[in-house]
PDB file of N, CA and C in Angstrom:
ATOM      1  N   MET A   1       0.851  -1.173   0.000  1.00  0.00           N
ATOM      2  CA  MET A   1       0.000   0.000   0.000  1.00  0.00           C
ATOM      3  C   MET A   1       0.896   1.234   0.000  1.00  0.00           C
ATOM      4  N   ARG A   2       0.579   2.200  -0.867  1.00  0.00           N
ATOM      5  CA  ARG A   2       1.317   3.469  -0.896  1.00  0.00           C
ATOM      6  C   ARG A   2       0.562   4.486  -0.049  1.00  0.00           C
ATOM      7  N   VAL A   3       1.276   5.105   0.906  1.00  0.00           N
ATOM      8  CA  VAL A   3       0.686   6.022   1.873  1.00  0.00           C
ATOM      9  C   VAL A   3       1.390   7.378   1.785  1.00  0.00           C
ATOM     10  N   LEU A   4       0.601   8.439   1.787  1.00  0.00           N
ATOM     11  CA  LEU A   4       1.133   9.791   1.876  1.00  0.00           C
ATOM     12  C   LEU A   4       1.069  10.221   3.334  1.00  0.00           C
ATOM     13  N   VAL A   5       2.213  10.599   3.914  1.00  0.00           N
ATOM     14  CA  VAL A   5       2.275  11.075   5.295  1.00  0.00           C
ATOM     15  C   VAL A   5       2.496  12.583   5.254  1.00  0.00           C
ATOM     16  N   VAL A   6       1.593  13.327   5.902  1.00  0.00           N
ATOM     17  CA  VAL A   6       1.660  14.790   5.931  1.00  0.00           C
ATOM     18  C   VAL A   6       1.836  15.240   7.378  1.00  0.00           C
ATOM     19  N   ASP A   7       2.925  15.950   7.637  1.00  0.00           N
ATOM     20  CA  ASP A   7       3.165  16.465   8.991  1.00  0.00           C
ATOM     21  C   ASP A   7       4.102  17.645   8.890  1.00  0.00           C
ATOM     22  N   ASP A   8       3.849  18.689   9.666  1.00  0.00           N
ATOM     23  CA  ASP A   8       4.729  19.851   9.651  1.00  0.00           C
ATOM     24  C   ASP A   8       5.818  19.774  10.718  1.00  0.00           C
ATOM     25  N   GLU A   9       5.923  18.633  11.384  1.00  0.00           N
ATOM     26  CA  GLU A   9       7.003  18.384  12.334  1.00  0.00           C
ATOM     27  C   GLU A   9       7.997  17.432  11.665  1.00  0.00           C
ATOM     28  N   PRO A  10       9.144  17.940  11.196  1.00  0.00           N
ATOM     29  CA  PRO A  10      10.087  17.098  10.446  1.00  0.00           C
ATOM     30  C   PRO A  10      10.523  15.825  11.167  1.00  0.00           C
ATOM     31  N   LEU A  11      10.754  15.895  12.475  1.00  0.00           N
ATOM     32  CA  LEU A  11      11.181  14.695  13.207  1.00  0.00           C
ATOM     33  C   LEU A  11      10.078  13.633  13.224  1.00  0.00           C
ATOM     34  N   MET A  12       8.837  14.054  13.438  1.00  0.00           N
ATOM     35  CA  MET A  12       7.720  13.119  13.432  1.00  0.00           C
ATOM     36  C   MET A  12       7.546  12.525  12.038  1.00  0.00           C
ATOM     37  N   LEU A  13       7.669  13.354  11.022  1.00  0.00           N
ATOM     38  CA  LEU A  13       7.523  12.902   9.645  1.00  0.00           C
ATOM     39  C   LEU A  13       8.541  11.813   9.313  1.00  0.00           C
ATOM     40  N   ARG A  14       9.795  12.053   9.665  1.00  0.00           N
ATOM     41  CA  ARG A  14      10.837  11.061   9.382  1.00  0.00           C
ATOM     42  C   ARG A  14      10.632   9.773  10.181  1.00  0.00           C
ATOM     43  N   ALA A  15      10.241   9.902  11.447  1.00  0.00           N
ATOM     44  CA  ALA A  15      10.047   8.716  12.291  1.00  0.00           C
ATOM     45  C   ALA A  15       8.898   7.851  11.776  1.00  0.00           C
ATOM     46  N   VAL A  16       7.790   8.479  11.418  1.00  0.00           N
ATOM     47  CA  VAL A  16       6.642   7.715  10.914  1.00  0.00           C
ATOM     48  C   VAL A  16       6.982   7.086   9.572  1.00  0.00           C
ATOM     49  N   LYS A  17       7.652   7.831   8.698  1.00  0.00           N
ATOM     50  CA  LYS A  17       8.043   7.283   7.398  1.00  0.00           C
ATOM     51  C   LYS A  17       8.922   6.050   7.580  1.00  0.00           C
ATOM     52  N   ARG A  18       9.920   6.165   8.420  1.00  0.00           N
ATOM     53  CA  ARG A  18      10.848   5.056   8.659  1.00  0.00           C
ATOM     54  C   ARG A  18      10.114   3.841   9.238  1.00  0.00           C
ATOM     55  N   SER A  19       9.225   4.079  10.187  1.00  0.00           N
ATOM     56  CA  SER A  19       8.495   2.974  10.824  1.00  0.00           C
ATOM     57  C   SER A  19       7.542   2.284   9.858  1.00  0.00           C
ATOM     58  N   LEU A  20       6.820   3.064   9.057  1.00  0.00           N
ATOM     59  CA  LEU A  20       5.895   2.459   8.091  1.00  0.00           C
ATOM     60  C   LEU A  20       6.657   1.708   6.998  1.00  0.00           C
ATOM     61  N   ALA A  21       7.761   2.276   6.535  1.00  0.00           N
ATOM     62  CA  ALA A  21       8.573   1.604   5.516  1.00  0.00           C
ATOM     63  C   ALA A  21       9.095   0.268   6.039  1.00  0.00           C
ATOM     64  N   ALA A  22       9.471   0.227   7.311  1.00  0.00           N
ATOM     65  CA  ALA A  22       9.943  -1.019   7.919  1.00  0.00           C
ATOM     66  C   ALA A  22       8.845  -2.072   7.974  1.00  0.00           C
ATOM     67  N   ARG A  23       7.580  -1.627   7.940  1.00  0.00           N
ATOM     68  CA  ARG A  23       6.433  -2.536   7.944  1.00  0.00           C
ATOM     69  C   ARG A  23       5.970  -2.888   6.527  1.00  0.00           C
ATOM     70  N   GLY A  24       6.720  -2.453   5.523  1.00  0.00           N
ATOM     71  CA  GLY A  24       6.408  -2.826   4.149  1.00  0.00           C
ATOM     72  C   GLY A  24       5.564  -1.832   3.364  1.00  0.00           C
ATOM     73  N   PHE A  25       5.255  -0.680   3.950  1.00  0.00           N
ATOM     74  CA  PHE A  25       4.490   0.335   3.232  1.00  0.00           C
ATOM     75  C   PHE A  25       5.413   1.109   2.293  1.00  0.00           C
ATOM     76  N   ASP A  26       4.879   1.510   1.160  1.00  0.00           N
ATOM     77  CA  ASP A  26       5.557   2.420   0.252  1.00  0.00           C
ATOM     78  C   ASP A  26       5.135   3.818   0.694  1.00  0.00           C
ATOM     79  N   VAL A  27       6.059   4.621   1.213  1.00  0.00           N
ATOM     80  CA  VAL A  27       5.709   5.872   1.881  1.00  0.00           C
ATOM     81  C   VAL A  27       6.194   7.087   1.101  1.00  0.00           C
ATOM     82  N   ALA A  28       5.264   7.989   0.829  1.00  0.00           N
ATOM     83  CA  ALA A  28       5.594   9.312   0.298  1.00  0.00           C
ATOM     84  C   ALA A  28       5.373  10.292   1.434  1.00  0.00           C
ATOM     85  N   THR A  29       6.172  11.345   1.493  1.00  0.00           N
ATOM     86  CA  THR A  29       5.989  12.341   2.549  1.00  0.00           C
ATOM     87  C   THR A  29       5.744  13.701   1.920  1.00  0.00           C
ATOM     88  N   LEU A  30       5.109  14.546   2.702  1.00  0.00           N
ATOM     89  CA  LEU A  30       4.810  15.888   2.231  1.00  0.00           C
ATOM     90  C   LEU A  30       5.196  16.871   3.317  1.00  0.00           C
ATOM     91  N   GLU A  31       6.081  17.766   2.966  1.00  0.00           N
ATOM     92  CA  GLU A  31       6.530  18.780   3.915  1.00  0.00           C
ATOM     93  C   GLU A  31       6.020  20.149   3.516  1.00  0.00           C
ATOM     94  N   ARG A  32       4.998  20.173   2.695  1.00  0.00           N
ATOM     95  CA  ARG A  32       4.421  21.443   2.268  1.00  0.00           C
ATOM     96  C   ARG A  32       2.967  21.217   1.884  1.00  0.00           C
ATOM     97  N   ASN A  33       2.259  22.287   1.665  1.00  0.00           N
ATOM     98  CA  ASN A  33       0.873  22.254   1.233  1.00  0.00           C
ATOM     99  C   ASN A  33       0.822  23.026  -0.085  1.00  0.00           C
ATOM    100  N   PRO A  34       0.054  22.687  -1.053  1.00  0.00           N
ATOM    101  CA  PRO A  34      -1.015  21.690  -1.076  1.00  0.00           C
ATOM    102  C   PRO A  34      -0.504  20.287  -1.418  1.00  0.00           C
ATOM    103  N   TRP A  35      -1.387  19.340  -1.263  1.00  0.00           N
ATOM    104  CA  TRP A  35      -1.001  17.950  -1.465  1.00  0.00           C
ATOM    105  C   TRP A  35      -1.644  17.319  -2.696  1.00  0.00           C
ATOM    106  N   ALA A  36      -2.323  18.074  -3.513  1.00  0.00           N
ATOM    107  CA  ALA A  36      -3.081  17.537  -4.649  1.00  0.00           C
ATOM    108  C   ALA A  36      -2.231  16.690  -5.590  1.00  0.00           C
ATOM    109  N   GLU A  37      -1.043  17.132  -5.922  1.00  0.00           N
ATOM    110  CA  GLU A  37      -0.205  16.381  -6.856  1.00  0.00           C
ATOM    111  C   GLU A  37       0.164  15.011  -6.301  1.00  0.00           C
ATOM    112  N   GLU A  38       0.494  14.939  -5.028  1.00  0.00           N
ATOM    113  CA  GLU A  38       0.914  13.686  -4.428  1.00  0.00           C
ATOM    114  C   GLU A  38      -0.230  12.671  -4.335  1.00  0.00           C
ATOM    115  N   LEU A  39      -1.468  13.145  -4.286  1.00  0.00           N
ATOM    116  CA  LEU A  39      -2.607  12.245  -4.134  1.00  0.00           C
ATOM    117  C   LEU A  39      -2.813  11.331  -5.329  1.00  0.00           C
ATOM    118  N   GLN A  40      -2.296  11.719  -6.481  1.00  0.00           N
ATOM    119  CA  GLN A  40      -2.485  10.914  -7.680  1.00  0.00           C
ATOM    120  C   GLN A  40      -1.853   9.530  -7.550  1.00  0.00           C
ATOM    121  N   SER A  41      -0.849   9.408  -6.689  1.00  0.00           N
ATOM    122  CA  SER A  41      -0.083   8.160  -6.643  1.00  0.00           C
ATOM    123  C   SER A  41      -0.161   7.411  -5.317  1.00  0.00           C
ATOM    124  N   VAL A  42      -1.133   7.741  -4.459  1.00  0.00           N
ATOM    125  CA  VAL A  42      -1.197   7.066  -3.154  1.00  0.00           C
ATOM    126  C   VAL A  42      -2.543   6.395  -2.946  1.00  0.00           C
ATOM    127  N   ASP A  43      -2.548   5.416  -2.028  1.00  0.00           N
ATOM    128  CA  ASP A  43      -3.771   4.676  -1.690  1.00  0.00           C
ATOM    129  C   ASP A  43      -4.462   5.230  -0.455  1.00  0.00           C
ATOM    130  N   ALA A  44      -3.694   5.865   0.436  1.00  0.00           N
ATOM    131  CA  ALA A  44      -4.245   6.387   1.689  1.00  0.00           C
ATOM    132  C   ALA A  44      -3.389   7.555   2.153  1.00  0.00           C
ATOM    133  N   VAL A  45      -3.949   8.349   3.087  1.00  0.00           N
ATOM    134  CA  VAL A  45      -3.238   9.510   3.624  1.00  0.00           C
ATOM    135  C   VAL A  45      -3.229   9.428   5.149  1.00  0.00           C
ATOM    136  N   LEU A  46      -2.054   9.625   5.738  1.00  0.00           N
ATOM    137  CA  LEU A  46      -1.893   9.786   7.181  1.00  0.00           C
ATOM    138  C   LEU A  46      -1.463  11.224   7.381  1.00  0.00           C
ATOM    139  N   THR A  47      -2.289  12.012   8.067  1.00  0.00           N
ATOM    140  CA  THR A  47      -1.973  13.431   8.208  1.00  0.00           C
ATOM    141  C   THR A  47      -2.103  13.914   9.641  1.00  0.00           C
ATOM    142  N   ASP A  48      -1.225  14.833   9.968  1.00  0.00           N
ATOM    143  CA  ASP A  48      -1.341  15.579  11.208  1.00  0.00           C
ATOM    144  C   ASP A  48      -2.588  16.449  11.083  1.00  0.00           C
ATOM    145  N   TRP A  49      -3.120  16.925  12.207  1.00  0.00           N
ATOM    146  CA  TRP A  49      -4.275  17.820  12.174  1.00  0.00           C
ATOM    147  C   TRP A  49      -3.786  19.226  11.854  1.00  0.00           C
ATOM    148  N   ALA A  50      -4.286  19.799  10.778  1.00  0.00           N
ATOM    149  CA  ALA A  50      -4.004  21.176  10.346  1.00  0.00           C
ATOM    150  C   ALA A  50      -2.529  21.485  10.121  1.00  0.00           C
ATOM    151  N   PRO A  51      -1.801  20.613   9.402  1.00  0.00           N
ATOM    152  CA  PRO A  51      -0.417  20.975   9.112  1.00  0.00           C
ATOM    153  C   PRO A  51      -0.382  22.159   8.153  1.00  0.00           C
ATOM    154  N   TYR A  52       0.587  23.044   8.348  1.00  0.00           N
ATOM    155  CA  TYR A  52       0.789  24.193   7.468  1.00  0.00           C
ATOM    156  C   TYR A  52      -0.433  25.104   7.428  1.00  0.00           C
ATOM    157  N   GLY A  53      -1.268  25.083   8.466  1.00  0.00           N
ATOM    158  CA  GLY A  53      -2.461  25.914   8.483  1.00  0.00           C
ATOM    159  C   GLY A  53      -3.560  25.406   7.557  1.00  0.00           C
ATOM    160  N   MET A  54      -3.422  24.183   7.082  1.00  0.00           N
ATOM    161  CA  MET A  54      -4.366  23.592   6.140  1.00  0.00           C
ATOM    162  C   MET A  54      -5.703  23.315   6.819  1.00  0.00           C
ATOM    163  N   ASP A  55      -6.782  23.445   6.092  1.00  0.00           N
ATOM    164  CA  ASP A  55      -8.114  23.079   6.583  1.00  0.00           C
ATOM    165  C   ASP A  55      -8.262  21.568   6.418  1.00  0.00           C
ATOM    166  N   THR A  56      -7.950  20.829   7.465  1.00  0.00           N
ATOM    167  CA  THR A  56      -7.941  19.369   7.383  1.00  0.00           C
ATOM    168  C   THR A  56      -9.332  18.806   7.150  1.00  0.00           C
ATOM    169  N   VAL A  57     -10.357  19.432   7.703  1.00  0.00           N
ATOM    170  CA  VAL A  57     -11.722  18.951   7.479  1.00  0.00           C
ATOM    171  C   VAL A  57     -12.041  18.986   5.985  1.00  0.00           C
ATOM    172  N   LEU A  58     -11.765  20.108   5.350  1.00  0.00           N
ATOM    173  CA  LEU A  58     -12.016  20.239   3.921  1.00  0.00           C
ATOM    174  C   LEU A  58     -11.159  19.260   3.128  1.00  0.00           C
ATOM    175  N   ALA A  59      -9.893  19.150   3.499  1.00  0.00           N
ATOM    176  CA  ALA A  59      -9.001  18.236   2.796  1.00  0.00           C
ATOM    177  C   ALA A  59      -9.491  16.795   2.907  1.00  0.00           C
ATOM    178  N   CYS A  60      -9.945  16.385   4.091  1.00  0.00           N
ATOM    179  CA  CYS A  60     -10.445  15.020   4.275  1.00  0.00           C
ATOM    180  C   CYS A  60     -11.682  14.767   3.411  1.00  0.00           C
ATOM    181  N   GLN A  61     -12.511  15.780   3.247  1.00  0.00           N
ATOM    182  CA  GLN A  61     -13.715  15.635   2.430  1.00  0.00           C
ATOM    183  C   GLN A  61     -13.378  15.558   0.948  1.00  0.00           C
ATOM    184  N   GLU A  62     -12.319  16.247   0.529  1.00  0.00           N
ATOM    185  CA  GLU A  62     -11.997  16.344  -0.885  1.00  0.00           C
ATOM    186  C   GLU A  62     -10.943  15.358  -1.363  1.00  0.00           C
ATOM    187  N   VAL A  63     -10.281  14.684  -0.457  1.00  0.00           N
ATOM    188  CA  VAL A  63      -9.108  13.905  -0.818  1.00  0.00           C
ATOM    189  C   VAL A  63      -9.421  12.719  -1.746  1.00  0.00           C
ATOM    190  N   GLY A  64     -10.572  12.095  -1.604  1.00  0.00           N
ATOM    191  CA  GLY A  64     -10.890  10.964  -2.466  1.00  0.00           C
ATOM    192  C   GLY A  64     -10.089   9.711  -2.158  1.00  0.00           C
ATOM    193  N   ARG A  65      -9.433   9.687  -1.021  1.00  0.00           N
ATOM    194  CA  ARG A  65      -8.648   8.535  -0.568  1.00  0.00           C
ATOM    195  C   ARG A  65      -8.958   8.332   0.910  1.00  0.00           C
ATOM    196  N   PRO A  66      -8.751   7.120   1.428  1.00  0.00           N
ATOM    197  CA  PRO A  66      -8.906   6.925   2.877  1.00  0.00           C
ATOM    198  C   PRO A  66      -7.918   7.814   3.637  1.00  0.00           C
ATOM    199  N   VAL A  67      -8.398   8.394   4.743  1.00  0.00           N
ATOM    200  CA  VAL A  67      -7.577   9.313   5.535  1.00  0.00           C
ATOM    201  C   VAL A  67      -7.548   8.862   6.989  1.00  0.00           C
ATOM    202  N   VAL A  68      -6.359   8.904   7.585  1.00  0.00           N
ATOM    203  CA  VAL A  68      -6.178   8.710   9.017  1.00  0.00           C
ATOM    204  C   VAL A  68      -5.522   9.981   9.538  1.00  0.00           C
ATOM    205  N   VAL A  69      -6.112  10.580  10.573  1.00  0.00           N
ATOM    206  CA  VAL A  69      -5.559  11.791  11.183  1.00  0.00           C
ATOM    207  C   VAL A  69      -4.876  11.395  12.483  1.00  0.00           C
ATOM    208  N   TYR A  70      -3.653  11.885  12.694  1.00  0.00           N
ATOM    209  CA  TYR A  70      -3.011  11.708  13.998  1.00  0.00           C
ATOM    210  C   TYR A  70      -2.657  13.080  14.532  1.00  0.00           C
ATOM    211  N   THR A  71      -2.922  13.280  15.818  1.00  0.00           N
ATOM    212  CA  THR A  71      -2.859  14.633  16.362  1.00  0.00           C
ATOM    213  C   THR A  71      -2.468  14.650  17.830  1.00  0.00           C
ATOM    214  N   GLY A  72      -1.902  15.759  18.244  1.00  0.00           N
ATOM    215  CA  GLY A  72      -1.646  15.998  19.654  1.00  0.00           C
ATOM    216  C   GLY A  72      -2.825  16.716  20.298  1.00  0.00           C
ATOM    217  N   GLY A  73      -3.842  17.019  19.498  1.00  0.00           N
ATOM    218  CA  GLY A  73      -5.013  17.750  19.983  1.00  0.00           C
ATOM    219  C   GLY A  73      -6.083  16.834  20.546  1.00  0.00           C
ATOM    220  N   ASN A  74      -7.278  17.376  20.676  1.00  0.00           N
ATOM    221  CA  ASN A  74      -8.423  16.663  21.239  1.00  0.00           C
ATOM    222  C   ASN A  74      -9.012  15.723  20.185  1.00  0.00           C
ATOM    223  N   THR A  75      -8.747  14.448  20.308  1.00  0.00           N
ATOM    224  CA  THR A  75      -9.183  13.488  19.289  1.00  0.00           C
ATOM    225  C   THR A  75     -10.697  13.378  19.217  1.00  0.00           C
ATOM    226  N   HIS A  76     -11.390  13.494  20.341  1.00  0.00           N
ATOM    227  CA  HIS A  76     -12.851  13.397  20.341  1.00  0.00           C
ATOM    228  C   HIS A  76     -13.464  14.552  19.552  1.00  0.00           C
ATOM    229  N   GLU A  77     -12.981  15.749  19.805  1.00  0.00           N
ATOM    230  CA  GLU A  77     -13.486  16.932  19.101  1.00  0.00           C
ATOM    231  C   GLU A  77     -13.224  16.823  17.593  1.00  0.00           C
ATOM    232  N   ILE A  78     -12.043  16.353  17.239  1.00  0.00           N
ATOM    233  CA  ILE A  78     -11.699  16.199  15.825  1.00  0.00           C
ATOM    234  C   ILE A  78     -12.565  15.126  15.174  1.00  0.00           C
ATOM    235  N   ALA A  79     -12.780  14.011  15.875  1.00  0.00           N
ATOM    236  CA  ALA A  79     -13.616  12.931  15.328  1.00  0.00           C
ATOM    237  C   ALA A  79     -15.034  13.423  15.048  1.00  0.00           C
ATOM    238  N   LEU A  80     -15.520  14.359  15.851  1.00  0.00           N
ATOM    239  CA  LEU A  80     -16.850  14.920  15.603  1.00  0.00           C
ATOM    240  C   LEU A  80     -16.871  15.774  14.337  1.00  0.00           C
ATOM    241  N   GLN A  81     -15.736  16.415  14.023  1.00  0.00           N
ATOM    242  CA  GLN A  81     -15.656  17.259  12.835  1.00  0.00           C
ATOM    243  C   GLN A  81     -15.511  16.446  11.550  1.00  0.00           C
ATOM    244  N   VAL A  82     -14.841  15.318  11.625  1.00  0.00           N
ATOM    245  CA  VAL A  82     -14.623  14.463  10.451  1.00  0.00           C
ATOM    246  C   VAL A  82     -15.001  13.028  10.819  1.00  0.00           C
ATOM    247  N   PRO A  83     -16.306  12.735  10.897  1.00  0.00           N
ATOM    248  CA  PRO A  83     -16.766  11.462  11.456  1.00  0.00           C
ATOM    249  C   PRO A  83     -16.361  10.201  10.692  1.00  0.00           C
ATOM    250  N   ARG A  84     -16.062  10.282   9.413  1.00  0.00           N
ATOM    251  CA  ARG A  84     -15.703   9.073   8.663  1.00  0.00           C
ATOM    252  C   ARG A  84     -14.187   8.868   8.592  1.00  0.00           C
ATOM    253  N   VAL A  85     -13.460   9.589   9.415  1.00  0.00           N
ATOM    254  CA  VAL A  85     -12.008   9.528   9.415  1.00  0.00           C
ATOM    255  C   VAL A  85     -11.529   8.958  10.741  1.00  0.00           C
ATOM    256  N   GLN A  86     -10.590   8.039  10.675  1.00  0.00           N
ATOM    257  CA  GLN A  86      -9.976   7.481  11.887  1.00  0.00           C
ATOM    258  C   GLN A  86      -9.058   8.538  12.491  1.00  0.00           C
ATOM    259  N   VAL A  87      -9.168   8.783  13.803  1.00  0.00           N
ATOM    260  CA  VAL A  87      -8.341   9.784  14.482  1.00  0.00           C
ATOM    261  C   VAL A  87      -7.535   9.100  15.582  1.00  0.00           C
ATOM    262  N   LEU A  88      -6.221   9.310  15.558  1.00  0.00           N
ATOM    263  CA  LEU A  88      -5.310   8.731  16.546  1.00  0.00           C
ATOM    264  C   LEU A  88      -4.629   9.838  17.332  1.00  0.00           C
ATOM    265  N   GLN A  89      -4.312   9.560  18.585  1.00  0.00           N
ATOM    266  CA  GLN A  89      -3.599  10.506  19.448  1.00  0.00           C
ATOM    267  C   GLN A  89      -2.098  10.374  19.225  1.00  0.00           C
ATOM    268  N   LYS A  90      -1.407  11.516  19.049  1.00  0.00           N
ATOM    269  CA  LYS A  90       0.059  11.516  18.980  1.00  0.00           C
ATOM    270  C   LYS A  90       0.633  11.446  20.379  1.00  0.00           C
ATOM    271  N   PRO A  91       1.704  10.774  20.602  1.00  0.00           N
ATOM    272  CA  PRO A  91       2.379   9.953  19.608  1.00  0.00           C
ATOM    273  C   PRO A  91       1.661   8.617  19.491  1.00  0.00           C
ATOM    274  N   ALA A  92       1.263   8.267  18.312  1.00  0.00           N
ATOM    275  CA  ALA A  92       0.549   7.012  18.087  1.00  0.00           C
ATOM    276  C   ALA A  92       1.552   5.881  17.910  1.00  0.00           C
ATOM    277  N   ALA A  93       1.249   4.750  18.488  1.00  0.00           N
ATOM    278  CA  ALA A  93       2.094   3.568  18.310  1.00  0.00           C
ATOM    279  C   ALA A  93       2.013   3.148  16.848  1.00  0.00           C
ATOM    280  N   ILE A  94       3.133   2.691  16.308  1.00  0.00           N
ATOM    281  CA  ILE A  94       3.159   2.312  14.897  1.00  0.00           C
ATOM    282  C   ILE A  94       2.153   1.194  14.613  1.00  0.00           C
ATOM    283  N   ASP A  95       1.939   0.286  15.564  1.00  0.00           N
ATOM    284  CA  ASP A  95       0.943  -0.773  15.360  1.00  0.00           C
ATOM    285  C   ASP A  95      -0.456  -0.185  15.198  1.00  0.00           C
ATOM    286  N   ASP A  96      -0.768   0.871  15.949  1.00  0.00           N
ATOM    287  CA  ASP A  96      -2.073   1.521  15.827  1.00  0.00           C
ATOM    288  C   ASP A  96      -2.215   2.220  14.483  1.00  0.00           C
ATOM    289  N   ILE A  97      -1.136   2.840  14.004  1.00  0.00           N
ATOM    290  CA  ILE A  97      -1.155   3.501  12.696  1.00  0.00           C
ATOM    291  C   ILE A  97      -1.363   2.469  11.598  1.00  0.00           C
ATOM    292  N   VAL A  98      -0.615   1.367  11.672  1.00  0.00           N
ATOM    293  CA  VAL A  98      -0.727   0.304  10.658  1.00  0.00           C
ATOM    294  C   VAL A  98      -2.146  -0.267  10.661  1.00  0.00           C
ATOM    295  N   GLU A  99      -2.702  -0.491  11.831  1.00  0.00           N
ATOM    296  CA  GLU A  99      -4.077  -1.021  11.942  1.00  0.00           C
ATOM    297  C   GLU A  99      -5.084  -0.036  11.331  1.00  0.00           C
ATOM    298  N   ALA A 100      -4.932   1.251  11.633  1.00  0.00           N
ATOM    299  CA  ALA A 100      -5.845   2.257  11.094  1.00  0.00           C
ATOM    300  C   ALA A 100      -5.736   2.355   9.583  1.00  0.00           C
ATOM    301  N   LEU A 101      -4.523   2.311   9.050  1.00  0.00           N
ATOM    302  CA  LEU A 101      -4.349   2.347   7.599  1.00  0.00           C
ATOM    303  C   LEU A 101      -4.958   1.110   6.945  1.00  0.00           C
ATOM    304  N   GLY A 102      -4.794  -0.047   7.578  1.00  0.00           N
ATOM    305  CA  GLY A 102      -5.382  -1.283   7.052  1.00  0.00           C
ATOM    306  C   GLY A 102      -6.888  -1.223   7.042  1.00  0.00           C
ATOM    307  N   ALA A 103      -7.479  -0.640   8.083  1.00  0.00           N
ATOM    308  CA  ALA A 103      -8.931  -0.521   8.164  1.00  0.00           C
ATOM    309  C   ALA A 103      -9.449   0.537   7.198  1.00  0.00           C
ATOM    310  N   ALA A 104      -8.600   1.473   6.818  1.00  0.00           N
ATOM    311  CA  ALA A 104      -9.025   2.560   5.927  1.00  0.00           C
ATOM    312  C   ALA A 104      -9.123   2.140   4.471  1.00  0.00           C
ATOM    313  N   LYS A 105      -8.572   0.987   4.136  1.00  0.00           N
ATOM    314  CA  LYS A 105      -8.577   0.553   2.726  1.00  0.00           C
ATOM    315  C   LYS A 105      -9.964   0.492   2.157  1.00  0.00           C
TER     316      LYS A 105
END
């Protein structure tokens, strides 16, 4: 599965990329916004909540791919805003991320 990871924290981005790649995922990363070009080649998106000031709710609605949000914020509040999206608390265990991506297919 090819996954796009979006995060404005470079250390988190590298750690998640490395961990997912070790689990056999083909990982693309995004250190900027917008992400439209990268979406053409991925199966799912793992994104931080509001990276780069992005409207994550709108992006989740428009992405056309399964989305998993991981955040240091209030996961319950975010889940209410984007009900069809899996929301994980940062720092999320890699097993939880892998499970969420698998369920998002």
